[in-house]
């Protein structure tokens, strides 16, 4: 089976639920502090401030977030796009689970019935072959 070429990869094979929730907030807001993220996450239930802080520090070390000291607080911005994270996770699945074959992943994606998702796949195909 043909293996996909290795390229520069972020240091992540997937995101935990906490990391995914944090990334959604950072992608949406652009620039955040730990306090901003913590306050947003409190709307979904209690989570300790220190848990959010530790996760965001780890995510900066993984290359998912940029961390800049501004006064007393760090300002976090996304270091990677949603698309880059999605591609990296899919590549990881293809390499680890499907032995480098994209066919099982594509087979699953082709079962999509949502019209917008199907249109997105068609546009992607057009980009690839234009």
N, C-alpha and C. Protein backbone atom coordinates (compact mmCIF):
# COMPACT_ATOMS: atom_id res chain seq x y z
N UNK A 1 0.83 -1.17 0.00
CA UNK A 1 0.00 0.00 0.00
C UNK A 1 0.88 1.24 0.00
N UNK A 2 0.45 2.25 -0.72
CA UNK A 2 1.22 3.47 -0.81
C UNK A 2 1.09 4.26 0.49
N UNK A 3 2.22 4.66 1.00
CA UNK A 3 2.21 5.48 2.21
C UNK A 3 2.17 6.94 1.81
N UNK A 4 1.47 7.71 2.60
CA UNK A 4 1.41 9.15 2.36
C UNK A 4 2.73 9.75 2.79
N UNK A 5 3.16 10.77 2.07
CA UNK A 5 4.44 11.38 2.39
C UNK A 5 4.37 12.06 3.75
N UNK A 6 5.49 11.99 4.47
CA UNK A 6 5.51 12.69 5.75
C UNK A 6 5.83 14.15 5.46
N UNK A 7 5.19 15.03 6.20
CA UNK A 7 5.37 16.46 6.03
C UNK A 7 5.54 17.04 7.42
N UNK A 8 5.79 18.32 7.47
CA UNK A 8 5.88 18.96 8.78
C UNK A 8 4.56 18.72 9.51
N UNK A 9 4.66 18.20 10.70
CA UNK A 9 3.46 17.86 11.45
C UNK A 9 3.48 18.56 12.79
N UNK A 10 2.32 18.94 13.24
CA UNK A 10 2.24 19.44 14.60
C UNK A 10 2.39 18.22 15.51
N UNK A 11 2.72 18.46 16.74
CA UNK A 11 2.99 17.36 17.65
C UNK A 11 1.72 16.85 18.30
N UNK A 12 0.76 16.45 17.50
CA UNK A 12 -0.49 15.99 18.08
C UNK A 12 -1.09 14.93 17.16
N UNK A 13 -1.57 13.87 17.77
CA UNK A 13 -2.26 12.82 17.02
C UNK A 13 -3.76 12.94 17.17
N UNK A 14 -4.17 13.79 18.03
CA UNK A 14 -5.58 14.01 18.30
C UNK A 14 -5.69 15.05 19.39
N UNK A 15 -6.89 15.42 19.69
CA UNK A 15 -7.13 16.39 20.75
C UNK A 15 -8.04 15.75 21.79
N UNK A 16 -7.73 15.99 23.05
CA UNK A 16 -8.66 15.55 24.09
C UNK A 16 -9.89 16.44 24.00
N UNK A 17 -10.94 16.08 24.69
CA UNK A 17 -12.15 16.91 24.71
C UNK A 17 -11.84 18.30 25.25
N UNK A 18 -11.03 18.35 26.29
CA UNK A 18 -10.66 19.64 26.87
C UNK A 18 -9.87 20.48 25.87
N UNK A 19 -8.88 19.88 25.22
CA UNK A 19 -8.08 20.60 24.23
C UNK A 19 -8.94 21.08 23.07
N UNK A 20 -9.85 20.24 22.62
CA UNK A 20 -10.73 20.63 21.51
C UNK A 20 -11.60 21.82 21.91
N UNK A 21 -12.13 21.80 23.11
CA UNK A 21 -12.97 22.90 23.58
C UNK A 21 -12.16 24.19 23.69
N UNK A 22 -10.95 24.09 24.21
CA UNK A 22 -10.08 25.25 24.31
C UNK A 22 -9.75 25.79 22.93
N UNK A 23 -9.40 24.91 22.00
CA UNK A 23 -9.06 25.36 20.64
C UNK A 23 -10.25 26.06 19.99
N UNK A 24 -11.45 25.55 20.18
CA UNK A 24 -12.63 26.21 19.60
C UNK A 24 -12.75 27.64 20.11
N UNK A 25 -12.52 27.83 21.39
CA UNK A 25 -12.62 29.17 21.99
C UNK A 25 -11.52 30.07 21.42
N UNK A 26 -10.30 29.56 21.34
CA UNK A 26 -9.19 30.36 20.85
C UNK A 26 -9.38 30.69 19.36
N UNK A 27 -9.80 29.72 18.57
CA UNK A 27 -10.05 29.99 17.14
C UNK A 27 -11.15 31.05 16.99
N UNK A 28 -12.18 30.97 17.81
CA UNK A 28 -13.29 31.91 17.72
C UNK A 28 -12.88 33.33 18.14
N UNK A 29 -12.16 33.43 19.25
CA UNK A 29 -11.83 34.75 19.81
C UNK A 29 -10.52 35.33 19.28
N UNK A 30 -9.62 34.50 18.82
CA UNK A 30 -8.35 34.98 18.27
C UNK A 30 -7.26 35.19 19.30
N UNK A 31 -7.51 36.03 20.28
CA UNK A 31 -6.56 36.30 21.37
C UNK A 31 -7.29 36.10 22.69
N UNK A 32 -6.70 35.30 23.58
CA UNK A 32 -7.35 35.02 24.85
C UNK A 32 -6.32 34.88 25.97
N UNK A 33 -6.81 35.03 27.18
CA UNK A 33 -6.02 34.68 28.36
C UNK A 33 -6.62 33.40 28.93
N UNK A 34 -5.92 32.81 29.87
CA UNK A 34 -6.47 31.63 30.55
C UNK A 34 -7.79 32.00 31.21
N UNK A 35 -7.85 33.19 31.81
CA UNK A 35 -9.08 33.63 32.48
C UNK A 35 -10.24 33.70 31.48
N UNK A 36 -9.98 34.25 30.28
CA UNK A 36 -11.04 34.33 29.25
C UNK A 36 -11.59 32.94 28.93
N UNK A 37 -10.68 32.00 28.72
CA UNK A 37 -11.10 30.64 28.37
C UNK A 37 -11.83 30.00 29.54
N UNK A 38 -11.29 30.16 30.73
CA UNK A 38 -11.92 29.58 31.92
C UNK A 38 -13.34 30.10 32.10
N UNK A 39 -13.52 31.41 31.97
CA UNK A 39 -14.85 32.00 32.15
C UNK A 39 -15.82 31.49 31.09
N UNK A 40 -15.35 31.35 29.87
CA UNK A 40 -16.20 30.80 28.80
C UNK A 40 -16.60 29.36 29.11
N UNK A 41 -15.63 28.58 29.58
CA UNK A 41 -15.88 27.16 29.86
C UNK A 41 -16.78 26.97 31.08
N UNK A 42 -16.79 27.92 32.01
CA UNK A 42 -17.66 27.80 33.18
C UNK A 42 -19.13 27.75 32.79
N UNK A 43 -19.47 28.28 31.63
CA UNK A 43 -20.85 28.21 31.15
C UNK A 43 -21.31 26.79 30.90
N UNK A 44 -20.36 25.88 30.72
CA UNK A 44 -20.69 24.46 30.47
C UNK A 44 -20.53 23.61 31.71
N UNK A 45 -20.26 24.22 32.85
CA UNK A 45 -20.06 23.47 34.08
C UNK A 45 -18.74 23.84 34.71
N UNK A 46 -18.55 23.40 35.93
CA UNK A 46 -17.34 23.77 36.68
C UNK A 46 -16.11 23.06 36.13
N UNK A 47 -15.05 23.82 35.97
CA UNK A 47 -13.74 23.28 35.64
C UNK A 47 -12.72 24.13 36.39
N UNK A 48 -11.77 23.52 37.07
CA UNK A 48 -10.79 24.31 37.81
C UNK A 48 -9.94 25.19 36.89
N UNK A 49 -9.67 26.40 37.34
CA UNK A 49 -8.82 27.34 36.61
C UNK A 49 -7.47 26.71 36.32
N UNK A 50 -6.90 26.02 37.30
CA UNK A 50 -5.57 25.44 37.13
C UNK A 50 -5.55 24.34 36.06
N UNK A 51 -6.68 23.66 35.88
CA UNK A 51 -6.77 22.64 34.83
C UNK A 51 -6.69 23.29 33.46
N UNK A 52 -7.41 24.39 33.28
CA UNK A 52 -7.38 25.13 32.01
C UNK A 52 -5.99 25.68 31.77
N UNK A 53 -5.37 26.26 32.81
CA UNK A 53 -4.04 26.83 32.69
C UNK A 53 -3.01 25.77 32.29
N UNK A 54 -3.04 24.63 32.94
CA UNK A 54 -2.10 23.55 32.62
C UNK A 54 -2.31 23.04 31.20
N UNK A 55 -3.56 22.89 30.81
CA UNK A 55 -3.86 22.41 29.46
C UNK A 55 -3.34 23.39 28.41
N UNK A 56 -3.56 24.68 28.65
CA UNK A 56 -3.12 25.68 27.68
C UNK A 56 -1.59 25.76 27.60
N UNK A 57 -0.92 25.61 28.74
CA UNK A 57 0.55 25.56 28.72
C UNK A 57 1.04 24.36 27.92
N UNK A 58 0.43 23.20 28.15
CA UNK A 58 0.80 21.99 27.40
C UNK A 58 0.52 22.16 25.91
N UNK A 59 -0.58 22.80 25.59
CA UNK A 59 -0.93 23.01 24.18
C UNK A 59 0.06 23.95 23.50
N UNK A 60 0.59 24.91 24.25
CA UNK A 60 1.63 25.79 23.71
C UNK A 60 2.90 24.98 23.45
N UNK A 61 3.24 24.07 24.36
CA UNK A 61 4.42 23.23 24.17
C UNK A 61 4.26 22.28 22.98
N UNK A 62 3.04 21.84 22.72
CA UNK A 62 2.76 20.95 21.57
C UNK A 62 2.75 21.71 20.25
N UNK A 63 2.71 23.05 20.31
CA UNK A 63 2.68 23.83 19.09
C UNK A 63 1.28 24.17 18.61
N UNK A 64 0.28 23.97 19.45
CA UNK A 64 -1.09 24.29 19.08
C UNK A 64 -1.42 25.76 19.35
N UNK A 65 -0.82 26.32 20.39
CA UNK A 65 -1.07 27.71 20.78
C UNK A 65 0.25 28.47 20.83
N UNK A 66 0.17 29.76 20.55
CA UNK A 66 1.30 30.66 20.78
C UNK A 66 1.04 31.34 22.12
N UNK A 67 2.10 31.53 22.88
CA UNK A 67 1.98 32.06 24.23
C UNK A 67 2.87 33.30 24.33
N UNK A 68 2.27 34.46 24.55
CA UNK A 68 3.03 35.70 24.67
C UNK A 68 2.73 36.37 26.00
N UNK A 69 3.77 36.70 26.73
CA UNK A 69 3.60 37.35 28.04
C UNK A 69 3.27 38.82 27.80
N UNK A 70 2.16 39.27 28.37
CA UNK A 70 1.73 40.65 28.26
C UNK A 70 1.30 41.11 29.65
N UNK A 71 2.17 41.83 30.33
CA UNK A 71 1.84 42.23 31.69
C UNK A 71 1.86 41.03 32.62
N UNK A 72 0.80 40.87 33.37
CA UNK A 72 0.72 39.77 34.34
C UNK A 72 0.21 38.47 33.72
N UNK A 73 -0.42 38.55 32.57
CA UNK A 73 -1.06 37.36 31.98
C UNK A 73 -0.45 37.01 30.62
N UNK A 74 -0.46 35.74 30.32
CA UNK A 74 -0.08 35.30 28.98
C UNK A 74 -1.26 35.52 28.05
N UNK A 75 -0.96 35.94 26.83
CA UNK A 75 -1.97 36.04 25.78
C UNK A 75 -1.74 34.85 24.85
N UNK A 76 -2.79 34.10 24.60
CA UNK A 76 -2.70 32.93 23.74
C UNK A 76 -3.39 33.21 22.42
N UNK A 77 -2.77 32.77 21.34
CA UNK A 77 -3.35 32.85 20.01
C UNK A 77 -3.17 31.49 19.35
N UNK A 78 -3.97 31.19 18.33
CA UNK A 78 -3.81 29.89 17.67
C UNK A 78 -2.48 29.84 16.91
N UNK A 79 -1.77 28.75 17.05
CA UNK A 79 -0.53 28.54 16.30
C UNK A 79 -0.81 27.74 15.04
N UNK A 80 -1.97 27.11 14.99
CA UNK A 80 -2.36 26.29 13.84
C UNK A 80 -3.84 26.53 13.53
N UNK A 81 -4.19 26.30 12.29
CA UNK A 81 -5.58 26.47 11.86
C UNK A 81 -6.38 25.20 12.15
N UNK A 82 -7.69 25.34 12.10
CA UNK A 82 -8.57 24.17 12.23
C UNK A 82 -8.23 23.15 11.15
N UNK A 83 -8.00 23.63 9.94
CA UNK A 83 -7.70 22.74 8.82
C UNK A 83 -6.42 21.96 9.06
N UNK A 84 -5.38 22.63 9.57
CA UNK A 84 -4.11 21.94 9.83
C UNK A 84 -4.28 20.85 10.89
N UNK A 85 -5.04 21.14 11.94
CA UNK A 85 -5.27 20.14 12.98
C UNK A 85 -6.06 18.97 12.41
N UNK A 86 -7.11 19.26 11.65
CA UNK A 86 -7.93 18.20 11.07
C UNK A 86 -7.08 17.31 10.14
N UNK A 87 -6.27 17.94 9.31
CA UNK A 87 -5.42 17.17 8.38
C UNK A 87 -4.45 16.28 9.15
N UNK A 88 -3.85 16.83 10.20
CA UNK A 88 -2.89 16.06 10.98
C UNK A 88 -3.55 14.86 11.65
N UNK A 89 -4.74 15.07 12.20
CA UNK A 89 -5.44 13.96 12.86
C UNK A 89 -5.83 12.89 11.85
N UNK A 90 -6.33 13.30 10.70
CA UNK A 90 -6.70 12.32 9.66
C UNK A 90 -5.47 11.57 9.18
N UNK A 91 -4.36 12.29 8.95
CA UNK A 91 -3.13 11.63 8.52
C UNK A 91 -2.68 10.60 9.56
N UNK A 92 -2.80 10.96 10.83
CA UNK A 92 -2.40 10.05 11.89
C UNK A 92 -3.27 8.79 11.89
N UNK A 93 -4.58 8.97 11.71
CA UNK A 93 -5.49 7.82 11.65
C UNK A 93 -5.15 6.94 10.46
N UNK A 94 -4.94 7.56 9.32
CA UNK A 94 -4.62 6.80 8.10
C UNK A 94 -3.35 5.99 8.31
N UNK A 95 -2.33 6.62 8.88
CA UNK A 95 -1.06 5.93 9.08
C UNK A 95 -1.15 4.82 10.12
N UNK A 96 -1.84 5.09 11.23
CA UNK A 96 -1.86 4.13 12.34
C UNK A 96 -2.91 3.04 12.18
N UNK A 97 -4.07 3.39 11.70
CA UNK A 97 -5.17 2.44 11.66
C UNK A 97 -5.29 1.76 10.30
N UNK A 98 -5.08 2.52 9.24
CA UNK A 98 -5.32 2.00 7.89
C UNK A 98 -4.03 1.65 7.15
N UNK A 99 -2.92 1.59 7.87
CA UNK A 99 -1.63 1.23 7.28
C UNK A 99 -1.30 2.08 6.05
N UNK A 100 -1.62 3.36 6.12
CA UNK A 100 -1.29 4.29 5.04
C UNK A 100 -2.32 4.38 3.93
N UNK A 101 -3.38 3.59 3.99
CA UNK A 101 -4.40 3.62 2.94
C UNK A 101 -5.51 4.59 3.32
N UNK A 102 -5.82 5.50 2.43
CA UNK A 102 -6.88 6.49 2.66
C UNK A 102 -8.26 5.92 2.35
N UNK A 103 -8.34 4.79 1.71
CA UNK A 103 -9.61 4.24 1.24
C UNK A 103 -10.64 4.07 2.35
N UNK A 104 -10.32 3.50 3.52
CA UNK A 104 -11.35 3.37 4.56
C UNK A 104 -11.89 4.72 5.03
N UNK A 105 -11.02 5.73 5.10
CA UNK A 105 -11.44 7.06 5.53
C UNK A 105 -12.36 7.67 4.48
N UNK A 106 -11.96 7.60 3.23
CA UNK A 106 -12.80 8.14 2.15
C UNK A 106 -14.13 7.41 2.07
N UNK A 107 -14.10 6.10 2.25
CA UNK A 107 -15.33 5.33 2.23
C UNK A 107 -16.30 5.84 3.30
N UNK A 108 -15.77 6.12 4.47
CA UNK A 108 -16.61 6.66 5.55
C UNK A 108 -17.14 8.04 5.18
N UNK A 109 -16.28 8.90 4.66
CA UNK A 109 -16.70 10.25 4.31
C UNK A 109 -17.74 10.27 3.19
N UNK A 110 -17.66 9.32 2.30
CA UNK A 110 -18.61 9.28 1.19
C UNK A 110 -20.01 8.89 1.63
N UNK A 111 -20.16 8.45 2.87
CA UNK A 111 -21.48 8.11 3.42
C UNK A 111 -22.20 9.34 3.94
N UNK A 112 -21.54 10.49 3.89
CA UNK A 112 -22.14 11.74 4.38
C UNK A 112 -23.38 12.06 3.58
N UNK A 113 -24.43 12.43 4.28
CA UNK A 113 -25.69 12.74 3.61
C UNK A 113 -26.06 14.22 3.69
N UNK A 114 -25.42 14.96 4.59
CA UNK A 114 -25.70 16.38 4.73
C UNK A 114 -25.31 17.11 3.44
N UNK A 115 -26.24 17.87 2.88
CA UNK A 115 -26.03 18.51 1.58
C UNK A 115 -24.82 19.44 1.58
N UNK A 116 -24.65 20.24 2.63
CA UNK A 116 -23.52 21.17 2.70
C UNK A 116 -22.20 20.42 2.74
N UNK A 117 -22.16 19.31 3.46
CA UNK A 117 -20.94 18.51 3.54
C UNK A 117 -20.61 17.89 2.18
N UNK A 118 -21.62 17.39 1.49
CA UNK A 118 -21.42 16.82 0.16
C UNK A 118 -20.91 17.89 -0.79
N UNK A 119 -21.51 19.09 -0.74
CA UNK A 119 -21.06 20.18 -1.59
C UNK A 119 -19.61 20.55 -1.28
N UNK A 120 -19.23 20.50 -0.01
CA UNK A 120 -17.85 20.77 0.38
C UNK A 120 -16.89 19.76 -0.20
N UNK A 121 -17.29 18.48 -0.20
CA UNK A 121 -16.45 17.44 -0.80
C UNK A 121 -16.31 17.64 -2.30
N UNK A 122 -17.39 18.03 -2.95
CA UNK A 122 -17.34 18.28 -4.40
C UNK A 122 -16.39 19.44 -4.69
N UNK A 123 -16.48 20.51 -3.92
CA UNK A 123 -15.58 21.66 -4.11
C UNK A 123 -14.14 21.26 -3.88
N UNK A 124 -13.90 20.45 -2.88
CA UNK A 124 -12.55 19.98 -2.60
C UNK A 124 -12.02 19.17 -3.77
N UNK A 125 -12.84 18.30 -4.30
CA UNK A 125 -12.44 17.49 -5.45
C UNK A 125 -12.09 18.39 -6.64
N UNK A 126 -12.91 19.42 -6.86
CA UNK A 126 -12.66 20.35 -7.96
C UNK A 126 -11.31 21.07 -7.77
N UNK A 127 -11.01 21.46 -6.54
CA UNK A 127 -9.73 22.13 -6.25
C UNK A 127 -8.56 21.19 -6.54
N UNK A 128 -8.73 19.94 -6.15
CA UNK A 128 -7.64 18.99 -6.33
C UNK A 128 -7.34 18.70 -7.80
N UNK A 129 -8.35 18.77 -8.63
CA UNK A 129 -8.17 18.42 -10.04
C UNK A 129 -8.18 19.62 -10.98
N UNK A 130 -8.12 20.83 -10.45
CA UNK A 130 -8.08 22.00 -11.35
C UNK A 130 -6.69 22.53 -11.52
